[in-house]
């Protein structure tokens, strides 16, 4: 059983590049195939406590072990894997996206058999999750602290726009040494690629 699950994951990640380039090929919709359509239909997406819940129905499952891959996109074209569910039971199946980005999101579910993979309809929703980022203190002396709930690129520039300090980290807290900066006024930019959010403010160096 563990070998089957491992084999499925290996095949899934090997096909990751093809999955991301969805515009290059038209996947078979689950509703276009009678047998698989019974295993994946009525996809519903809703927000629960700043998380995104996906539910779909499986009236009949074709094998003893069945795998569903949940994929997410911010443009409806390029999809990334966010989770895998293995189930032996029919009925309603639920997946919870614990860390959805803010704004409009597209989801789809892929059901795989030994012969082929089938996609659900693509469904869009909007998340009100606020993935905040901030920095302090300001004015700053020697050490600047940046806090972000998502990966962020940090850039400190002079007033002409010339970058003086650049850094990036995957999220959490980052301590940046700014002791080499001369006293004066600078521009700090924090950019979250995941959310597309950008924060640009003046930074005063003591």
N, C-alpha and C. Protein backbone atom coordinates (compact mmCIF):
# COMPACT_ATOMS: atom_id res chain seq x y z
N UNK A 1 0.84 -1.20 0.00
CA UNK A 1 0.00 0.00 0.00
C UNK A 1 0.87 1.26 0.00
N UNK A 2 1.94 1.24 0.85
CA UNK A 2 2.84 2.39 0.90
C UNK A 2 3.57 2.54 -0.44
N UNK A 3 3.90 1.37 -1.06
CA UNK A 3 4.60 1.43 -2.34
C UNK A 3 3.72 2.06 -3.42
N UNK A 4 2.45 1.71 -3.42
CA UNK A 4 1.51 2.27 -4.41
C UNK A 4 1.40 3.78 -4.24
N UNK A 5 1.29 4.24 -2.99
CA UNK A 5 1.17 5.68 -2.72
C UNK A 5 2.43 6.41 -3.14
N UNK A 6 3.62 5.80 -2.83
CA UNK A 6 4.88 6.41 -3.21
C UNK A 6 5.01 6.49 -4.73
N UNK A 7 4.60 5.42 -5.41
CA UNK A 7 4.66 5.40 -6.87
C UNK A 7 3.78 6.46 -7.47
N UNK A 8 2.60 6.66 -6.88
CA UNK A 8 1.69 7.70 -7.38
C UNK A 8 2.31 9.08 -7.24
N UNK A 9 2.91 9.35 -6.06
CA UNK A 9 3.53 10.66 -5.84
C UNK A 9 4.68 10.89 -6.79
N UNK A 10 5.47 9.83 -7.06
CA UNK A 10 6.59 9.95 -7.98
C UNK A 10 6.10 10.33 -9.38
N UNK A 11 5.04 9.67 -9.83
CA UNK A 11 4.48 9.97 -11.14
C UNK A 11 3.89 11.37 -11.17
N UNK A 12 3.30 11.79 -10.05
CA UNK A 12 2.64 13.09 -9.98
C UNK A 12 3.65 14.21 -10.11
N UNK A 13 4.76 14.12 -9.37
CA UNK A 13 5.76 15.18 -9.43
C UNK A 13 6.54 15.14 -10.75
N UNK A 14 6.67 13.97 -11.33
CA UNK A 14 7.34 13.87 -12.63
C UNK A 14 6.55 14.59 -13.70
N UNK A 15 5.23 14.62 -13.49
CA UNK A 15 4.36 15.29 -14.46
C UNK A 15 4.11 16.74 -14.08
N UNK A 16 4.83 17.25 -13.11
CA UNK A 16 4.58 18.60 -12.60
C UNK A 16 4.76 19.67 -13.65
N UNK A 17 5.79 19.51 -14.49
CA UNK A 17 6.05 20.52 -15.51
C UNK A 17 4.92 20.58 -16.51
N UNK A 18 4.42 19.41 -16.89
CA UNK A 18 3.30 19.38 -17.83
C UNK A 18 2.06 19.95 -17.19
N UNK A 19 1.89 19.73 -15.89
CA UNK A 19 0.73 20.25 -15.19
C UNK A 19 0.75 21.75 -15.13
N UNK A 20 1.95 22.34 -14.98
CA UNK A 20 2.05 23.79 -14.88
C UNK A 20 1.76 24.45 -16.22
N UNK A 21 2.07 23.76 -17.33
CA UNK A 21 1.85 24.33 -18.64
C UNK A 21 0.50 23.86 -19.19
N UNK A 22 -0.56 24.23 -18.55
CA UNK A 22 -1.87 23.71 -18.92
C UNK A 22 -2.35 24.24 -20.25
N UNK A 23 -1.79 25.35 -20.70
CA UNK A 23 -2.25 25.90 -21.96
C UNK A 23 -1.77 25.07 -23.14
N UNK A 24 -0.74 24.24 -22.91
CA UNK A 24 -0.16 23.47 -24.00
C UNK A 24 -0.96 22.22 -24.33
N UNK A 25 -1.79 21.76 -23.41
CA UNK A 25 -2.56 20.54 -23.65
C UNK A 25 -3.91 20.65 -22.98
N UNK A 26 -4.91 20.00 -23.56
CA UNK A 26 -6.25 20.03 -23.01
C UNK A 26 -6.50 18.76 -22.22
N UNK A 27 -6.54 18.84 -20.87
CA UNK A 27 -6.78 17.64 -20.08
C UNK A 27 -8.21 17.15 -20.25
N UNK A 28 -8.40 15.87 -20.04
CA UNK A 28 -9.74 15.29 -20.14
C UNK A 28 -10.53 15.69 -18.90
N UNK A 29 -11.69 16.25 -19.09
CA UNK A 29 -12.54 16.62 -17.96
C UNK A 29 -13.18 15.37 -17.39
N UNK A 30 -13.33 15.36 -16.06
CA UNK A 30 -13.92 14.19 -15.41
C UNK A 30 -15.33 13.94 -15.91
N UNK A 31 -16.05 15.02 -16.22
CA UNK A 31 -17.44 14.88 -16.66
C UNK A 31 -17.54 14.30 -18.07
N UNK A 32 -16.38 14.25 -18.80
CA UNK A 32 -16.41 13.70 -20.15
C UNK A 32 -16.22 12.19 -20.17
N UNK A 33 -15.99 11.60 -19.02
CA UNK A 33 -15.73 10.15 -18.94
C UNK A 33 -16.70 9.57 -17.92
N UNK A 34 -17.56 8.66 -18.37
CA UNK A 34 -18.65 8.17 -17.53
C UNK A 34 -18.17 7.60 -16.21
N UNK A 35 -17.19 6.68 -16.26
CA UNK A 35 -16.74 6.00 -15.04
C UNK A 35 -16.08 6.97 -14.07
N UNK A 36 -15.15 7.78 -14.58
CA UNK A 36 -14.42 8.70 -13.72
C UNK A 36 -15.31 9.86 -13.28
N UNK A 37 -16.29 10.22 -14.12
CA UNK A 37 -17.21 11.28 -13.75
C UNK A 37 -17.96 10.95 -12.46
N UNK A 38 -18.20 9.68 -12.21
CA UNK A 38 -18.86 9.26 -10.98
C UNK A 38 -17.94 9.42 -9.77
N UNK A 39 -16.62 9.48 -10.00
CA UNK A 39 -15.66 9.59 -8.91
C UNK A 39 -15.28 11.03 -8.61
N UNK A 40 -15.73 11.98 -9.44
CA UNK A 40 -15.33 13.37 -9.25
C UNK A 40 -16.34 14.30 -9.91
N UNK A 41 -17.23 14.85 -9.10
CA UNK A 41 -18.19 15.82 -9.63
C UNK A 41 -18.70 16.71 -8.50
N UNK A 42 -19.43 17.76 -8.86
CA UNK A 42 -20.02 18.71 -7.91
C UNK A 42 -18.95 19.35 -7.02
N UNK A 43 -17.89 19.88 -7.64
CA UNK A 43 -16.83 20.55 -6.88
C UNK A 43 -17.35 21.85 -6.30
N UNK A 44 -17.16 22.03 -5.00
CA UNK A 44 -17.61 23.23 -4.28
C UNK A 44 -16.42 23.83 -3.53
N UNK A 45 -16.25 25.14 -3.63
CA UNK A 45 -15.16 25.83 -2.95
C UNK A 45 -15.75 26.90 -2.03
N UNK A 46 -15.26 26.96 -0.79
CA UNK A 46 -15.75 27.95 0.16
C UNK A 46 -14.63 28.33 1.12
N UNK A 47 -14.80 29.47 1.80
CA UNK A 47 -13.80 29.92 2.75
C UNK A 47 -14.24 29.58 4.17
N UNK A 48 -13.30 29.03 4.96
CA UNK A 48 -13.57 28.65 6.34
C UNK A 48 -12.42 29.13 7.23
N UNK A 49 -12.70 30.09 8.11
CA UNK A 49 -11.70 30.56 9.07
C UNK A 49 -10.38 30.91 8.37
N UNK A 50 -10.45 31.70 7.31
CA UNK A 50 -9.30 32.16 6.55
C UNK A 50 -8.56 31.02 5.85
N UNK A 51 -9.26 29.90 5.64
CA UNK A 51 -8.75 28.79 4.87
C UNK A 51 -9.75 28.48 3.77
N UNK A 52 -9.31 27.79 2.73
CA UNK A 52 -10.19 27.46 1.61
C UNK A 52 -10.53 25.97 1.65
N UNK A 53 -11.82 25.69 1.68
CA UNK A 53 -12.30 24.31 1.70
C UNK A 53 -12.78 23.92 0.30
N UNK A 54 -12.32 22.76 -0.17
CA UNK A 54 -12.78 22.19 -1.44
C UNK A 54 -13.50 20.88 -1.13
N UNK A 55 -14.72 20.74 -1.64
CA UNK A 55 -15.48 19.52 -1.45
C UNK A 55 -15.99 19.04 -2.80
N UNK A 56 -15.92 17.73 -3.02
CA UNK A 56 -16.46 17.15 -4.23
C UNK A 56 -17.05 15.78 -3.89
N UNK A 57 -17.86 15.28 -4.81
CA UNK A 57 -18.59 14.05 -4.53
C UNK A 57 -18.08 12.91 -5.40
N UNK A 58 -18.00 11.74 -4.78
CA UNK A 58 -17.62 10.52 -5.48
C UNK A 58 -18.72 9.49 -5.27
N UNK A 59 -19.53 9.26 -6.30
CA UNK A 59 -20.61 8.28 -6.20
C UNK A 59 -20.08 6.86 -6.29
N UNK A 60 -19.05 6.67 -7.10
CA UNK A 60 -18.50 5.34 -7.31
C UNK A 60 -17.01 5.45 -7.57
N UNK A 61 -16.22 4.63 -6.87
CA UNK A 61 -14.77 4.66 -7.03
C UNK A 61 -14.32 3.41 -7.78
N UNK A 62 -13.48 3.58 -8.81
CA UNK A 62 -13.13 2.45 -9.67
C UNK A 62 -12.12 1.47 -9.09
N UNK A 63 -11.42 1.82 -8.01
CA UNK A 63 -10.40 0.93 -7.46
C UNK A 63 -10.40 1.00 -5.94
N UNK A 64 -9.63 0.10 -5.32
CA UNK A 64 -9.59 0.04 -3.86
C UNK A 64 -8.90 1.26 -3.27
N UNK A 65 -7.89 1.79 -3.96
CA UNK A 65 -7.19 2.99 -3.51
C UNK A 65 -7.30 4.05 -4.60
N UNK A 66 -7.78 5.23 -4.21
CA UNK A 66 -8.03 6.28 -5.19
C UNK A 66 -7.31 7.56 -4.74
N UNK A 67 -6.69 8.24 -5.71
CA UNK A 67 -5.88 9.41 -5.40
C UNK A 67 -6.44 10.65 -6.09
N UNK A 68 -6.55 11.72 -5.32
CA UNK A 68 -6.96 13.02 -5.84
C UNK A 68 -5.85 14.02 -5.58
N UNK A 69 -5.48 14.80 -6.59
CA UNK A 69 -4.48 15.86 -6.44
C UNK A 69 -5.19 17.21 -6.58
N UNK A 70 -5.02 18.08 -5.60
CA UNK A 70 -5.62 19.41 -5.63
C UNK A 70 -4.58 20.39 -6.15
N UNK A 71 -4.93 21.15 -7.17
CA UNK A 71 -4.02 22.11 -7.78
C UNK A 71 -4.59 23.52 -7.68
N UNK A 72 -3.68 24.49 -7.56
CA UNK A 72 -4.08 25.89 -7.35
C UNK A 72 -3.33 26.80 -8.31
N UNK A 73 -4.02 27.87 -8.74
CA UNK A 73 -3.41 28.83 -9.66
C UNK A 73 -3.89 30.24 -9.31
N UNK A 74 -3.05 31.22 -9.59
CA UNK A 74 -3.48 32.61 -9.38
C UNK A 74 -3.87 33.29 -10.69
N UNK A 75 -3.76 32.55 -11.82
CA UNK A 75 -4.14 33.14 -13.10
C UNK A 75 -5.02 32.23 -13.96
N UNK A 76 -5.33 31.04 -13.45
CA UNK A 76 -6.17 30.12 -14.21
C UNK A 76 -5.44 29.39 -15.32
N UNK A 77 -4.12 29.57 -15.41
CA UNK A 77 -3.33 28.93 -16.48
C UNK A 77 -2.24 28.05 -15.88
N UNK A 78 -1.43 28.61 -15.00
CA UNK A 78 -0.31 27.89 -14.39
C UNK A 78 -0.72 27.33 -13.04
N UNK A 79 -0.80 26.01 -12.92
CA UNK A 79 -1.27 25.36 -11.70
C UNK A 79 -0.11 24.70 -10.96
N UNK A 80 -0.19 24.73 -9.63
CA UNK A 80 0.77 24.06 -8.76
C UNK A 80 0.04 23.12 -7.81
N UNK A 81 0.69 22.02 -7.48
CA UNK A 81 0.11 21.05 -6.56
C UNK A 81 0.12 21.59 -5.14
N UNK A 82 -1.02 21.50 -4.45
CA UNK A 82 -1.08 21.94 -3.05
C UNK A 82 -1.42 20.80 -2.09
N UNK A 83 -1.84 19.65 -2.60
CA UNK A 83 -2.14 18.54 -1.70
C UNK A 83 -2.63 17.31 -2.44
N UNK A 84 -2.49 16.15 -1.77
CA UNK A 84 -2.93 14.88 -2.32
C UNK A 84 -3.79 14.16 -1.29
N UNK A 85 -4.89 13.58 -1.73
CA UNK A 85 -5.79 12.82 -0.86
C UNK A 85 -5.89 11.39 -1.39
N UNK A 86 -5.74 10.42 -0.48
CA UNK A 86 -5.96 9.02 -0.82
C UNK A 86 -7.21 8.55 -0.08
N UNK A 87 -8.11 7.92 -0.78
CA UNK A 87 -9.35 7.49 -0.14
C UNK A 87 -9.83 6.16 -0.70
N UNK A 88 -10.55 5.42 0.13
CA UNK A 88 -11.18 4.17 -0.31
C UNK A 88 -12.69 4.28 -0.24
N UNK A 89 -13.16 5.43 0.24
CA UNK A 89 -14.60 5.60 0.46
C UNK A 89 -15.19 6.61 -0.51
N UNK A 90 -16.43 6.40 -0.90
CA UNK A 90 -17.15 7.34 -1.72
C UNK A 90 -17.83 8.40 -0.87
N UNK A 91 -18.76 9.11 -1.47
CA UNK A 91 -19.44 10.19 -0.75
C UNK A 91 -18.72 11.51 -0.95
N UNK A 92 -18.91 12.43 0.00
CA UNK A 92 -18.27 13.73 -0.09
C UNK A 92 -16.83 13.65 0.41
N UNK A 93 -15.92 14.24 -0.35
CA UNK A 93 -14.50 14.27 0.00
C UNK A 93 -14.10 15.73 0.16
N UNK A 94 -13.31 16.02 1.19
CA UNK A 94 -12.95 17.41 1.47
C UNK A 94 -11.44 17.58 1.59
N UNK A 95 -10.95 18.70 1.07
CA UNK A 95 -9.55 19.10 1.22
C UNK A 95 -9.52 20.53 1.72
N UNK A 96 -8.62 20.83 2.67
CA UNK A 96 -8.52 22.17 3.24
C UNK A 96 -7.18 22.78 2.86
N UNK A 97 -7.24 23.89 2.14
CA UNK A 97 -6.03 24.65 1.80
C UNK A 97 -5.70 25.55 2.98
N UNK A 98 -4.66 25.19 3.71
CA UNK A 98 -4.33 25.89 4.95
C UNK A 98 -3.73 27.28 4.72
N UNK A 99 -3.08 27.50 3.58
CA UNK A 99 -2.37 28.77 3.35
C UNK A 99 -2.70 29.35 1.98
N UNK A 100 -3.95 29.75 1.76
CA UNK A 100 -4.30 30.32 0.46
C UNK A 100 -3.78 31.75 0.34
N UNK A 101 -3.35 32.17 -0.84
CA UNK A 101 -2.94 33.56 -1.03
C UNK A 101 -4.16 34.47 -1.06
N UNK A 102 -3.94 35.74 -0.82
CA UNK A 102 -5.04 36.69 -0.84
C UNK A 102 -5.42 37.02 -2.28
N UNK A 103 -6.70 37.25 -2.51
CA UNK A 103 -7.17 37.64 -3.83
C UNK A 103 -7.85 36.50 -4.56
N UNK A 104 -7.92 36.61 -5.88
CA UNK A 104 -8.61 35.61 -6.69
C UNK A 104 -7.74 34.37 -6.86
N UNK A 105 -8.34 33.19 -6.67
CA UNK A 105 -7.63 31.92 -6.76
C UNK A 105 -8.44 30.97 -7.63
N UNK A 106 -7.73 30.13 -8.38
CA UNK A 106 -8.37 29.11 -9.20
C UNK A 106 -7.95 27.74 -8.68
N UNK A 107 -8.92 26.83 -8.60
CA UNK A 107 -8.64 25.46 -8.16
C UNK A 107 -9.16 24.47 -9.18
N UNK A 108 -8.53 23.31 -9.18
CA UNK A 108 -9.06 22.16 -9.91
C UNK A 108 -8.57 20.91 -9.19
N UNK A 109 -9.26 19.80 -9.42
CA UNK A 109 -8.90 18.53 -8.79
C UNK A 109 -8.61 17.52 -9.89
N UNK A 110 -7.50 16.79 -9.73
CA UNK A 110 -7.13 15.76 -10.71
C UNK A 110 -7.32 14.38 -10.10
N UNK A 111 -8.06 13.54 -10.80
CA UNK A 111 -8.27 12.15 -10.38
C UNK A 111 -7.48 11.26 -11.32
N UNK A 112 -6.65 10.38 -10.75
CA UNK A 112 -5.76 9.56 -11.57
C UNK A 112 -6.09 8.08 -11.46
N UNK A 113 -6.06 7.41 -12.60
CA UNK A 113 -6.18 5.96 -12.66
C UNK A 113 -4.91 5.43 -13.30
N UNK A 114 -4.81 4.11 -13.47
CA UNK A 114 -3.61 3.52 -14.08
C UNK A 114 -3.54 3.84 -15.57
N UNK A 115 -4.68 4.24 -16.17
CA UNK A 115 -4.69 4.52 -17.60
C UNK A 115 -4.49 6.00 -17.93
N UNK A 116 -5.04 6.88 -17.10
CA UNK A 116 -4.99 8.31 -17.45
C UNK A 116 -5.34 9.16 -16.23
N UNK A 117 -5.22 10.46 -16.41
CA UNK A 117 -5.60 11.43 -15.38
C UNK A 117 -6.75 12.28 -15.91
N UNK A 118 -7.67 12.62 -15.03
CA UNK A 118 -8.85 13.37 -15.40
C UNK A 118 -9.00 14.57 -14.48
N UNK A 119 -9.35 15.72 -15.06
CA UNK A 119 -9.49 16.95 -14.29
C UNK A 119 -10.95 17.31 -14.06
N UNK A 120 -11.18 17.92 -12.92
CA UNK A 120 -12.49 18.49 -12.66
C UNK A 120 -12.62 19.79 -13.44
N UNK A 121 -13.76 20.43 -13.35
CA UNK A 121 -13.89 21.77 -13.87
C UNK A 121 -13.00 22.70 -13.03
N UNK A 122 -12.55 23.77 -13.64
CA UNK A 122 -11.80 24.78 -12.90
C UNK A 122 -12.79 25.72 -12.22
N UNK A 123 -12.54 26.03 -10.96
CA UNK A 123 -13.46 26.88 -10.22
C UNK A 123 -12.68 28.00 -9.54
N UNK A 124 -13.21 29.20 -9.56
CA UNK A 124 -12.52 30.37 -9.01
C UNK A 124 -13.19 30.83 -7.72
N UNK A 125 -12.38 31.37 -6.83
CA UNK A 125 -12.90 31.94 -5.60
C UNK A 125 -11.99 33.10 -5.20
N UNK A 126 -12.35 33.82 -4.17
CA UNK A 126 -11.52 34.92 -3.65
C UNK A 126 -11.27 34.68 -2.18
N UNK A 127 -10.03 34.91 -1.77
CA UNK A 127 -9.64 34.74 -0.38
C UNK A 127 -9.46 36.10 0.26
N UNK A 128 -10.00 36.27 1.46
CA UNK A 128 -9.84 37.52 2.21
C UNK A 128 -8.66 37.46 3.17
N UNK A 129 -7.86 36.38 3.06
CA UNK A 129 -6.72 36.22 3.95
C UNK A 129 -5.74 37.37 3.72
N UNK A 130 -5.32 38.01 4.79
CA UNK A 130 -4.37 39.11 4.71
C UNK A 130 -3.00 38.61 5.17
N UNK A 131 -2.11 38.34 4.22
CA UNK A 131 -0.77 37.89 4.56
C UNK A 131 0.09 39.13 4.75
N UNK A 132 0.19 39.58 5.98
CA UNK A 132 0.81 40.87 6.28
C UNK A 132 2.32 40.81 6.26
N UNK A 133 2.94 41.96 6.03
CA UNK A 133 4.38 42.11 6.16
C UNK A 133 4.67 43.50 6.70
N UNK A 134 5.69 43.62 7.53
CA UNK A 134 6.04 44.91 8.12
C UNK A 134 7.50 44.91 8.53
N UNK A 135 8.01 46.11 8.85
CA UNK A 135 9.39 46.24 9.29
C UNK A 135 9.45 47.26 10.43
N UNK A 136 10.48 47.13 11.26
CA UNK A 136 10.68 48.03 12.40
C UNK A 136 12.09 47.81 12.94
N UNK A 137 12.65 48.78 13.69
CA UNK A 137 12.09 50.11 13.99
C UNK A 137 12.34 51.09 12.84
N UNK A 138 11.69 52.20 12.88
CA UNK A 138 11.88 53.26 11.90
C UNK A 138 11.62 54.60 12.61
N UNK A 139 12.66 55.38 12.88
CA UNK A 139 14.05 55.29 12.42
C UNK A 139 14.79 54.07 12.97
N UNK A 140 15.82 53.66 12.22
CA UNK A 140 16.60 52.49 12.58
C UNK A 140 18.05 52.89 12.83
N UNK A 141 18.71 52.15 13.71
CA UNK A 141 20.11 52.44 14.03
C UNK A 141 21.02 51.43 13.34
N UNK A 142 21.08 50.21 13.87
CA UNK A 142 21.99 49.20 13.32
C UNK A 142 21.29 47.98 12.75
N UNK A 143 20.15 47.62 13.33
CA UNK A 143 19.48 46.38 12.95
C UNK A 143 18.02 46.66 12.60
N UNK A 144 17.61 46.17 11.43
CA UNK A 144 16.22 46.29 10.98
C UNK A 144 15.57 44.91 11.03
N UNK A 145 14.36 44.84 11.56
CA UNK A 145 13.63 43.58 11.65
C UNK A 145 12.48 43.60 10.64
N UNK A 146 12.42 42.57 9.81
CA UNK A 146 11.33 42.42 8.83
C UNK A 146 10.53 41.19 9.20
N UNK A 147 9.22 41.34 9.27
CA UNK A 147 8.32 40.22 9.60
C UNK A 147 7.33 40.04 8.46
N UNK A 148 7.17 38.80 8.00
CA UNK A 148 6.25 38.52 6.91
C UNK A 148 5.66 37.12 7.07
N UNK A 149 4.39 36.96 6.73
CA UNK A 149 3.73 35.67 6.80
C UNK A 149 3.91 34.87 5.51
N UNK A 150 4.57 35.47 4.53
CA UNK A 150 4.86 34.76 3.27
C UNK A 150 6.27 35.15 2.84
N UNK A 151 6.81 34.44 1.84
CA UNK A 151 8.12 34.77 1.34
C UNK A 151 8.17 36.20 0.84
N UNK A 152 9.27 36.88 1.09
CA UNK A 152 9.35 38.31 0.74
C UNK A 152 10.75 38.66 0.25
N UNK A 153 10.79 39.55 -0.76
CA UNK A 153 12.04 40.14 -1.23
C UNK A 153 12.17 41.51 -0.60
N UNK A 154 13.36 41.80 -0.07
CA UNK A 154 13.60 43.08 0.61
C UNK A 154 14.65 43.87 -0.16
N UNK A 155 14.37 45.14 -0.37
CA UNK A 155 15.34 46.01 -1.03
C UNK A 155 15.36 47.36 -0.36
N UNK A 156 16.55 47.83 -0.02
CA UNK A 156 16.73 49.17 0.53
C UNK A 156 17.55 49.97 -0.48
N UNK A 157 17.01 51.10 -0.93
CA UNK A 157 17.64 51.92 -1.96
C UNK A 157 17.86 53.33 -1.45
N UNK A 158 18.78 54.04 -2.13
CA UNK A 158 18.90 55.46 -1.82
C UNK A 158 17.79 56.20 -2.54
N UNK A 159 17.74 57.50 -2.38
CA UNK A 159 16.62 58.27 -2.92
C UNK A 159 16.65 58.38 -4.44
N UNK A 160 17.78 58.00 -5.05
CA UNK A 160 17.85 58.00 -6.51
C UNK A 160 17.36 56.68 -7.10
N UNK A 161 17.11 55.69 -6.22
CA UNK A 161 16.63 54.38 -6.66
C UNK A 161 17.71 53.34 -6.75
N UNK A 162 18.95 53.67 -6.38
CA UNK A 162 20.04 52.71 -6.45
C UNK A 162 19.95 51.70 -5.30
N UNK A 163 19.86 50.40 -5.59
CA UNK A 163 19.78 49.40 -4.52
C UNK A 163 21.08 49.34 -3.71
N UNK A 164 20.95 49.36 -2.39
CA UNK A 164 22.10 49.29 -1.50
C UNK A 164 22.13 47.99 -0.71
N UNK A 165 20.97 47.51 -0.33
CA UNK A 165 20.85 46.24 0.40
C UNK A 165 19.70 45.45 -0.22
N UNK A 166 19.95 44.21 -0.56
CA UNK A 166 18.89 43.31 -1.05
C UNK A 166 18.96 42.00 -0.28
N UNK A 167 17.80 41.44 -0.01
CA UNK A 167 17.72 40.18 0.73
C UNK A 167 16.39 39.53 0.43
N UNK A 168 16.26 38.26 0.75
CA UNK A 168 14.99 37.55 0.60
C UNK A 168 14.95 36.43 1.63
N UNK A 169 13.74 36.08 2.05
CA UNK A 169 13.57 34.97 2.98
C UNK A 169 12.18 34.39 2.81
N UNK A 170 11.97 33.12 3.21
CA UNK A 170 10.72 32.42 2.92
C UNK A 170 9.54 32.80 3.80
N UNK A 171 9.74 33.67 4.77
CA UNK A 171 8.67 34.04 5.69
C UNK A 171 9.13 33.91 7.13
N UNK A 172 8.44 34.58 8.04
CA UNK A 172 8.83 34.58 9.43
C UNK A 172 9.47 35.90 9.79
N UNK A 173 10.60 35.85 10.49
CA UNK A 173 11.30 37.07 10.92
C UNK A 173 12.72 37.06 10.36
N UNK A 174 13.13 38.20 9.83
CA UNK A 174 14.48 38.36 9.28
C UNK A 174 15.14 39.58 9.91
N UNK A 175 16.37 39.42 10.37
CA UNK A 175 17.14 40.52 10.93
C UNK A 175 18.15 40.98 9.89
N UNK A 176 18.11 42.26 9.54
CA UNK A 176 18.98 42.80 8.51
C UNK A 176 19.91 43.85 9.11
N UNK A 177 21.19 43.68 8.86
CA UNK A 177 22.20 44.60 9.35
C UNK A 177 22.26 45.84 8.44
N UNK A 178 21.93 47.00 8.97
CA UNK A 178 21.96 48.24 8.19
C UNK A 178 22.99 49.22 8.75
N UNK A 179 23.91 48.71 9.57
CA UNK A 179 24.89 49.58 10.23
C UNK A 179 25.82 50.27 9.24
N UNK A 180 26.00 49.68 8.04
CA UNK A 180 26.90 50.28 7.06
C UNK A 180 26.28 51.47 6.34
N UNK A 181 25.00 51.68 6.48
CA UNK A 181 24.34 52.81 5.82
C UNK A 181 24.68 54.11 6.53
N UNK A 182 24.91 55.17 5.74
CA UNK A 182 25.13 56.49 6.30
C UNK A 182 23.79 57.04 6.82
N UNK A 183 23.82 57.90 7.85
CA UNK A 183 22.58 58.52 8.32
C UNK A 183 21.89 59.26 7.18
N UNK A 184 20.58 59.11 7.11
CA UNK A 184 19.83 59.77 6.05
C UNK A 184 18.50 59.08 5.79
N UNK A 185 17.90 59.40 4.65
CA UNK A 185 16.59 58.86 4.29
C UNK A 185 16.75 57.90 3.11
N UNK A 186 16.17 56.72 3.24
CA UNK A 186 16.25 55.69 2.22
C UNK A 186 14.84 55.22 1.86
N UNK A 187 14.77 54.34 0.88
CA UNK A 187 13.48 53.77 0.47
C UNK A 187 13.56 52.26 0.65
N UNK A 188 12.62 51.69 1.39
CA UNK A 188 12.57 50.23 1.58
C UNK A 188 11.36 49.67 0.84
N UNK A 189 11.59 48.57 0.15
CA UNK A 189 10.51 47.90 -0.61
C UNK A 189 10.44 46.44 -0.17
N UNK A 190 9.25 46.01 0.22
CA UNK A 190 8.99 44.62 0.57
C UNK A 190 8.02 44.06 -0.47
N UNK A 191 8.40 42.97 -1.12
CA UNK A 191 7.56 42.40 -2.17
C UNK A 191 7.30 40.93 -1.91
N UNK A 192 6.01 40.56 -1.80
CA UNK A 192 5.61 39.17 -1.61
C UNK A 192 5.20 38.59 -2.97
N UNK A 193 6.01 37.67 -3.51
CA UNK A 193 5.69 37.08 -4.80
C UNK A 193 4.40 36.26 -4.75
N UNK A 194 4.17 35.60 -3.63
CA UNK A 194 3.00 34.72 -3.51
C UNK A 194 1.69 35.49 -3.63
N UNK A 195 1.64 36.68 -3.04
CA UNK A 195 0.41 37.46 -3.03
C UNK A 195 0.42 38.61 -4.02
N UNK A 196 1.63 38.96 -4.53
CA UNK A 196 1.74 40.12 -5.41
C UNK A 196 1.70 41.43 -4.66
N UNK A 197 1.76 41.36 -3.33
CA UNK A 197 1.67 42.57 -2.51
C UNK A 197 3.03 43.24 -2.41
N UNK A 198 3.05 44.57 -2.54
CA UNK A 198 4.29 45.33 -2.43
C UNK A 198 4.10 46.50 -1.47
N UNK A 199 5.06 46.67 -0.59
CA UNK A 199 5.05 47.75 0.39
C UNK A 199 6.30 48.59 0.18
N UNK A 200 6.12 49.86 -0.10
CA UNK A 200 7.24 50.79 -0.31
C UNK A 200 7.08 51.99 0.62
N UNK A 201 8.10 52.21 1.46
CA UNK A 201 8.04 53.31 2.43
C UNK A 201 9.42 53.92 2.62
N UNK A 202 9.42 55.11 3.24
CA UNK A 202 10.68 55.76 3.59
C UNK A 202 11.27 55.10 4.84
N UNK A 203 12.57 54.95 4.83
CA UNK A 203 13.29 54.40 5.98
C UNK A 203 14.34 55.42 6.42
N UNK A 204 14.28 55.80 7.69
CA UNK A 204 15.20 56.79 8.23
C UNK A 204 16.31 56.08 8.98
N UNK A 205 17.54 56.35 8.57
CA UNK A 205 18.72 55.78 9.24
C UNK A 205 19.30 56.84 10.19
N UNK A 206 19.44 56.48 11.46
CA UNK A 206 19.99 57.41 12.44
C UNK A 206 21.47 57.64 12.21
